[in-house]
Amino acid sequence: MEVGMTTPDQLAVQMGTSLGLQELRAGVTLFGSLIANKPPNIGVVKRMLRSAWAAFGNVQIVDVKDLIFSIKLDNEEAARKIADGGPWTIMGFAFCVQYWPLTLALEELNTV
C-alpha cells in the first residue's frame, strides 16, 4: 500500500467519527408507536412528549416513519421510567414505548 493511503478500516473509523456514530451508541434507545387513525401534527406530538418527559432529563425524539419515533435518553433509569410508565396518551391517542435493541432494524420491531 502506498504511503499516505487510507485503509478501509481507517476510512470506516473516520466515517463513524464524522457521522457521530459513537454518540448514537451512547445512552439508551427506545421506540414509540402512536396509535392513531389520522396522523396528527408530528411537531406537536414531539413537543408534548418532551414536555411530559422533561423531568427525565435530555430526551431526543425523532420521527422515523409512519407514527414510529426513536427516543434517545442519557441514562437507563430515565428510559425504564418512560417505558414502564405507559401507555402514554398524546392528543387522545395511545403512545406505546418499548426498548429498541440496536441489533434490530426498524422493520424488525414489534411496533404495536
N, C-alpha and C. Protein backbone atom coordinates (compact mmCIF):
# COMPACT_ATOMS: atom_id res chain seq x y z
N MET A 1 0.85 -1.17 0.00
CA MET A 1 0.00 0.00 0.00
C MET A 1 0.90 1.24 0.00
N GLU A 2 0.50 2.24 -0.72
CA GLU A 2 1.30 3.46 -0.84
C GLU A 2 1.26 4.26 0.47
N VAL A 3 2.35 4.99 0.70
CA VAL A 3 2.42 5.85 1.88
C VAL A 3 1.35 6.93 1.74
N GLY A 4 0.64 7.17 2.82
CA GLY A 4 -0.40 8.20 2.80
C GLY A 4 -1.77 7.68 2.38
N MET A 5 -1.85 6.42 1.97
CA MET A 5 -3.14 5.85 1.57
C MET A 5 -3.92 5.45 2.82
N THR A 6 -5.22 5.58 2.77
CA THR A 6 -6.08 5.21 3.88
C THR A 6 -6.60 3.80 3.67
N THR A 7 -6.51 2.97 4.71
CA THR A 7 -7.03 1.61 4.62
C THR A 7 -8.55 1.65 4.80
N PRO A 8 -9.24 0.59 4.36
CA PRO A 8 -10.70 0.55 4.57
C PRO A 8 -11.09 0.67 6.04
N ASP A 9 -10.31 0.04 6.94
CA ASP A 9 -10.63 0.14 8.38
C ASP A 9 -10.48 1.56 8.89
N GLN A 10 -9.44 2.25 8.46
CA GLN A 10 -9.25 3.64 8.87
C GLN A 10 -10.37 4.51 8.33
N LEU A 11 -10.77 4.25 7.10
CA LEU A 11 -11.85 5.01 6.49
C LEU A 11 -13.16 4.81 7.25
N ALA A 12 -13.43 3.57 7.66
CA ALA A 12 -14.65 3.28 8.42
C ALA A 12 -14.65 4.03 9.75
N VAL A 13 -13.51 4.05 10.42
CA VAL A 13 -13.41 4.78 11.70
C VAL A 13 -13.62 6.26 11.47
N GLN A 14 -13.01 6.80 10.43
CA GLN A 14 -13.16 8.22 10.12
C GLN A 14 -14.61 8.56 9.81
N MET A 15 -15.28 7.70 9.03
CA MET A 15 -16.69 7.95 8.70
C MET A 15 -17.56 7.88 9.95
N GLY A 16 -17.32 6.86 10.78
CA GLY A 16 -18.10 6.73 12.01
C GLY A 16 -17.94 7.93 12.91
N THR A 17 -16.73 8.43 13.01
CA THR A 17 -16.47 9.61 13.83
C THR A 17 -17.15 10.84 13.25
N SER A 18 -17.03 11.04 11.95
CA SER A 18 -17.61 12.24 11.34
C SER A 18 -19.13 12.21 11.35
N LEU A 19 -19.72 11.03 11.34
CA LEU A 19 -21.18 10.92 11.38
C LEU A 19 -21.73 10.92 12.81
N GLY A 20 -20.85 10.89 13.79
CA GLY A 20 -21.30 10.89 15.18
C GLY A 20 -21.86 9.56 15.63
N LEU A 21 -21.40 8.45 15.04
CA LEU A 21 -21.96 7.15 15.38
C LEU A 21 -21.62 6.72 16.80
N GLN A 22 -20.54 7.24 17.39
CA GLN A 22 -20.24 6.91 18.78
C GLN A 22 -21.34 7.46 19.68
N GLU A 23 -21.84 8.66 19.36
CA GLU A 23 -22.92 9.25 20.15
C GLU A 23 -24.20 8.44 20.00
N LEU A 24 -24.41 7.84 18.82
CA LEU A 24 -25.60 7.05 18.58
C LEU A 24 -25.66 5.86 19.52
N ARG A 25 -24.51 5.26 19.80
CA ARG A 25 -24.47 4.10 20.67
C ARG A 25 -24.53 4.47 22.15
N ALA A 26 -24.20 5.71 22.49
CA ALA A 26 -24.23 6.15 23.88
C ALA A 26 -25.68 6.34 24.31
N GLY A 27 -25.97 6.09 25.57
CA GLY A 27 -27.32 6.28 26.07
C GLY A 27 -28.20 5.07 25.81
N VAL A 28 -29.49 5.27 25.95
CA VAL A 28 -30.48 4.21 25.80
C VAL A 28 -31.47 4.63 24.73
N THR A 29 -31.81 3.70 23.85
CA THR A 29 -32.76 4.00 22.78
C THR A 29 -34.05 3.22 22.99
N LEU A 30 -35.14 3.94 22.92
CA LEU A 30 -36.48 3.36 22.96
C LEU A 30 -37.15 3.67 21.62
N PHE A 31 -38.27 3.03 21.37
CA PHE A 31 -39.09 3.46 20.25
C PHE A 31 -40.52 3.57 20.72
N GLY A 32 -41.24 4.48 20.12
CA GLY A 32 -42.63 4.69 20.48
C GLY A 32 -43.50 4.59 19.25
N SER A 33 -44.67 4.01 19.44
CA SER A 33 -45.66 3.87 18.37
C SER A 33 -46.89 4.67 18.76
N LEU A 34 -47.29 5.58 17.90
CA LEU A 34 -48.50 6.35 18.12
C LEU A 34 -49.64 5.63 17.41
N ILE A 35 -50.65 5.23 18.16
CA ILE A 35 -51.79 4.52 17.59
C ILE A 35 -52.85 5.57 17.26
N ALA A 36 -52.94 5.93 15.98
CA ALA A 36 -53.86 6.99 15.57
C ALA A 36 -54.47 6.63 14.22
N ASN A 37 -55.76 6.92 14.08
CA ASN A 37 -56.43 6.66 12.81
C ASN A 37 -56.13 7.75 11.78
N LYS A 38 -55.70 8.92 12.25
CA LYS A 38 -55.34 10.03 11.38
C LYS A 38 -54.06 10.65 11.92
N PRO A 39 -53.03 10.77 11.09
CA PRO A 39 -51.75 11.30 11.60
C PRO A 39 -51.90 12.73 12.13
N PRO A 40 -51.55 12.95 13.39
CA PRO A 40 -51.58 14.30 13.95
C PRO A 40 -50.33 15.07 13.52
N ASN A 41 -50.24 16.32 13.91
CA ASN A 41 -49.06 17.13 13.63
C ASN A 41 -47.88 16.56 14.41
N ILE A 42 -46.86 16.10 13.69
CA ILE A 42 -45.71 15.44 14.31
C ILE A 42 -44.95 16.38 15.24
N GLY A 43 -44.81 17.64 14.85
CA GLY A 43 -44.12 18.62 15.70
C GLY A 43 -44.81 18.78 17.03
N VAL A 44 -46.14 18.81 17.02
CA VAL A 44 -46.91 18.93 18.26
C VAL A 44 -46.72 17.68 19.12
N VAL A 45 -46.76 16.52 18.49
CA VAL A 45 -46.56 15.26 19.23
C VAL A 45 -45.20 15.27 19.93
N LYS A 46 -44.16 15.65 19.21
CA LYS A 46 -42.81 15.67 19.79
C LYS A 46 -42.71 16.68 20.94
N ARG A 47 -43.32 17.85 20.78
CA ARG A 47 -43.30 18.85 21.86
C ARG A 47 -44.04 18.35 23.09
N MET A 48 -45.18 17.70 22.89
CA MET A 48 -45.95 17.17 24.02
C MET A 48 -45.17 16.08 24.75
N LEU A 49 -44.50 15.21 24.00
CA LEU A 49 -43.70 14.16 24.63
C LEU A 49 -42.54 14.76 25.42
N ARG A 50 -41.85 15.72 24.82
CA ARG A 50 -40.73 16.37 25.52
C ARG A 50 -41.21 17.03 26.81
N SER A 51 -42.38 17.66 26.74
CA SER A 51 -42.94 18.31 27.92
C SER A 51 -43.30 17.28 29.00
N ALA A 52 -43.92 16.19 28.59
CA ALA A 52 -44.32 15.14 29.54
C ALA A 52 -43.11 14.48 30.18
N TRP A 53 -42.01 14.41 29.44
CA TRP A 53 -40.82 13.72 29.92
C TRP A 53 -39.70 14.67 30.36
N ALA A 54 -39.99 15.93 30.53
CA ALA A 54 -38.96 16.92 30.88
C ALA A 54 -38.22 16.56 32.17
N ALA A 55 -38.90 15.95 33.12
CA ALA A 55 -38.27 15.60 34.39
C ALA A 55 -37.23 14.49 34.25
N PHE A 56 -37.22 13.79 33.11
CA PHE A 56 -36.29 12.68 32.90
C PHE A 56 -34.96 13.11 32.30
N GLY A 57 -34.77 14.40 32.11
CA GLY A 57 -33.50 14.89 31.56
C GLY A 57 -33.57 15.05 30.05
N ASN A 58 -32.41 14.93 29.43
CA ASN A 58 -32.29 15.12 27.99
C ASN A 58 -32.99 13.98 27.24
N VAL A 59 -34.01 14.31 26.47
CA VAL A 59 -34.75 13.34 25.68
C VAL A 59 -34.73 13.80 24.23
N GLN A 60 -34.20 12.97 23.35
CA GLN A 60 -34.20 13.27 21.92
C GLN A 60 -35.26 12.41 21.25
N ILE A 61 -36.14 13.06 20.49
CA ILE A 61 -37.23 12.35 19.83
C ILE A 61 -37.13 12.63 18.34
N VAL A 62 -37.11 11.55 17.55
CA VAL A 62 -37.03 11.67 16.10
C VAL A 62 -38.16 10.84 15.50
N ASP A 63 -38.94 11.45 14.60
CA ASP A 63 -39.96 10.65 13.92
C ASP A 63 -39.25 9.86 12.82
N VAL A 64 -39.38 8.55 12.89
CA VAL A 64 -38.66 7.66 11.99
C VAL A 64 -39.49 7.37 10.75
N LYS A 65 -40.72 6.94 10.94
CA LYS A 65 -41.64 6.71 9.82
C LYS A 65 -43.00 6.30 10.36
N ASP A 66 -44.02 6.62 9.62
CA ASP A 66 -45.39 6.15 9.89
C ASP A 66 -45.74 6.06 11.38
N LEU A 67 -45.63 7.18 12.09
CA LEU A 67 -46.00 7.28 13.50
C LEU A 67 -45.14 6.42 14.43
N ILE A 68 -43.91 6.12 13.99
CA ILE A 68 -42.92 5.44 14.81
C ILE A 68 -41.83 6.45 15.14
N PHE A 69 -41.45 6.52 16.41
CA PHE A 69 -40.49 7.51 16.89
C PHE A 69 -39.32 6.82 17.58
N SER A 70 -38.13 7.34 17.36
CA SER A 70 -36.95 6.94 18.10
C SER A 70 -36.82 7.89 19.29
N ILE A 71 -36.58 7.32 20.46
CA ILE A 71 -36.48 8.11 21.69
C ILE A 71 -35.13 7.79 22.32
N LYS A 72 -34.29 8.79 22.45
CA LYS A 72 -32.93 8.60 22.97
C LYS A 72 -32.82 9.30 24.32
N LEU A 73 -32.35 8.56 25.32
CA LEU A 73 -32.17 9.11 26.67
C LEU A 73 -30.74 8.88 27.12
N ASP A 74 -30.32 9.71 28.07
CA ASP A 74 -28.94 9.64 28.55
C ASP A 74 -28.70 8.49 29.52
N ASN A 75 -29.75 8.04 30.23
CA ASN A 75 -29.50 7.00 31.23
C ASN A 75 -30.61 5.97 31.28
N GLU A 76 -30.25 4.81 31.80
CA GLU A 76 -31.15 3.66 31.87
C GLU A 76 -32.34 3.91 32.79
N GLU A 77 -32.14 4.60 33.90
CA GLU A 77 -33.23 4.83 34.85
C GLU A 77 -34.35 5.65 34.21
N ALA A 78 -33.99 6.70 33.48
CA ALA A 78 -34.99 7.52 32.80
C ALA A 78 -35.71 6.70 31.74
N ALA A 79 -34.97 5.88 31.00
CA ALA A 79 -35.58 5.03 29.97
C ALA A 79 -36.57 4.05 30.59
N ARG A 80 -36.19 3.45 31.71
CA ARG A 80 -37.08 2.50 32.38
C ARG A 80 -38.37 3.17 32.85
N LYS A 81 -38.25 4.37 33.40
CA LYS A 81 -39.44 5.09 33.88
C LYS A 81 -40.38 5.42 32.73
N ILE A 82 -39.83 5.80 31.60
CA ILE A 82 -40.68 6.11 30.44
C ILE A 82 -41.30 4.84 29.88
N ALA A 83 -40.49 3.78 29.73
CA ALA A 83 -41.01 2.53 29.17
C ALA A 83 -42.05 1.89 30.08
N ASP A 84 -41.82 1.94 31.39
CA ASP A 84 -42.75 1.32 32.34
C ASP A 84 -43.93 2.22 32.69
N GLY A 85 -43.82 3.52 32.40
CA GLY A 85 -44.86 4.47 32.79
C GLY A 85 -46.04 4.55 31.84
N GLY A 86 -45.97 3.86 30.74
CA GLY A 86 -47.02 3.96 29.73
C GLY A 86 -48.13 2.97 29.96
N PRO A 87 -49.09 2.90 29.08
CA PRO A 87 -49.09 3.66 27.83
C PRO A 87 -49.36 5.14 28.08
N TRP A 88 -48.76 5.96 27.26
CA TRP A 88 -48.91 7.40 27.34
C TRP A 88 -50.05 7.82 26.42
N THR A 89 -50.63 8.97 26.69
CA THR A 89 -51.70 9.49 25.83
C THR A 89 -51.27 10.83 25.28
N ILE A 90 -51.30 10.94 23.96
CA ILE A 90 -50.94 12.18 23.27
C ILE A 90 -52.09 12.55 22.35
N MET A 91 -52.69 13.70 22.62
CA MET A 91 -53.81 14.21 21.81
C MET A 91 -54.93 13.17 21.68
N GLY A 92 -55.15 12.41 22.76
CA GLY A 92 -56.21 11.41 22.78
C GLY A 92 -55.82 10.08 22.16
N PHE A 93 -54.59 9.96 21.67
CA PHE A 93 -54.13 8.72 21.05
C PHE A 93 -53.15 8.01 21.98
N ALA A 94 -53.16 6.69 21.95
CA ALA A 94 -52.21 5.91 22.75
C ALA A 94 -50.82 6.00 22.14
N PHE A 95 -49.82 6.15 23.01
CA PHE A 95 -48.42 6.17 22.58
C PHE A 95 -47.69 5.11 23.39
N CYS A 96 -47.34 4.01 22.74
CA CYS A 96 -46.70 2.88 23.41
C CYS A 96 -45.19 2.95 23.24
N VAL A 97 -44.46 2.73 24.32
CA VAL A 97 -43.00 2.84 24.32
C VAL A 97 -42.38 1.51 24.70
N GLN A 98 -41.35 1.11 23.96
CA GLN A 98 -40.61 -0.13 24.23
C GLN A 98 -39.13 0.12 24.00
N TYR A 99 -38.30 -0.77 24.54
CA TYR A 99 -36.86 -0.69 24.28
C TYR A 99 -36.59 -1.06 22.83
N TRP A 100 -35.60 -0.40 22.24
CA TRP A 100 -35.19 -0.68 20.87
C TRP A 100 -33.80 -1.30 20.90
N PRO A 101 -33.71 -2.62 20.80
CA PRO A 101 -32.39 -3.24 20.71
C PRO A 101 -31.71 -2.78 19.42
N LEU A 102 -30.52 -2.21 19.54
CA LEU A 102 -29.85 -1.65 18.37
C LEU A 102 -29.43 -2.71 17.36
N THR A 103 -29.58 -3.99 17.73
CA THR A 103 -29.29 -5.06 16.78
C THR A 103 -30.45 -5.29 15.83
N LEU A 104 -31.59 -4.67 16.09
CA LEU A 104 -32.77 -4.85 15.23
C LEU A 104 -32.98 -3.63 14.34
N ALA A 105 -33.32 -3.90 13.09
CA ALA A 105 -33.69 -2.83 12.17
C ALA A 105 -35.11 -2.39 12.49
N LEU A 106 -35.47 -1.22 12.02
CA LEU A 106 -36.81 -0.68 12.27
C LEU A 106 -37.89 -1.67 11.85
N GLU A 107 -37.71 -2.31 10.71
CA GLU A 107 -38.71 -3.24 10.19
C GLU A 107 -38.87 -4.48 11.06
N GLU A 108 -37.89 -4.78 11.90
CA GLU A 108 -37.94 -5.96 12.75
C GLU A 108 -38.62 -5.70 14.10
N LEU A 109 -38.90 -4.45 14.41
CA LEU A 109 -39.51 -4.11 15.69
C LEU A 109 -40.98 -4.48 15.70
N ASN A 110 -41.46 -4.94 16.85
CA ASN A 110 -42.88 -5.19 17.04
C ASN A 110 -43.49 -3.87 17.48
N THR A 111 -44.08 -3.13 16.53
CA THR A 111 -44.46 -1.74 16.80
C THR A 111 -45.84 -1.57 17.40
N VAL A 112 -46.57 -2.61 17.65
CA VAL A 112 -47.89 -2.43 18.27
C VAL A 112 -48.00 -3.34 19.47
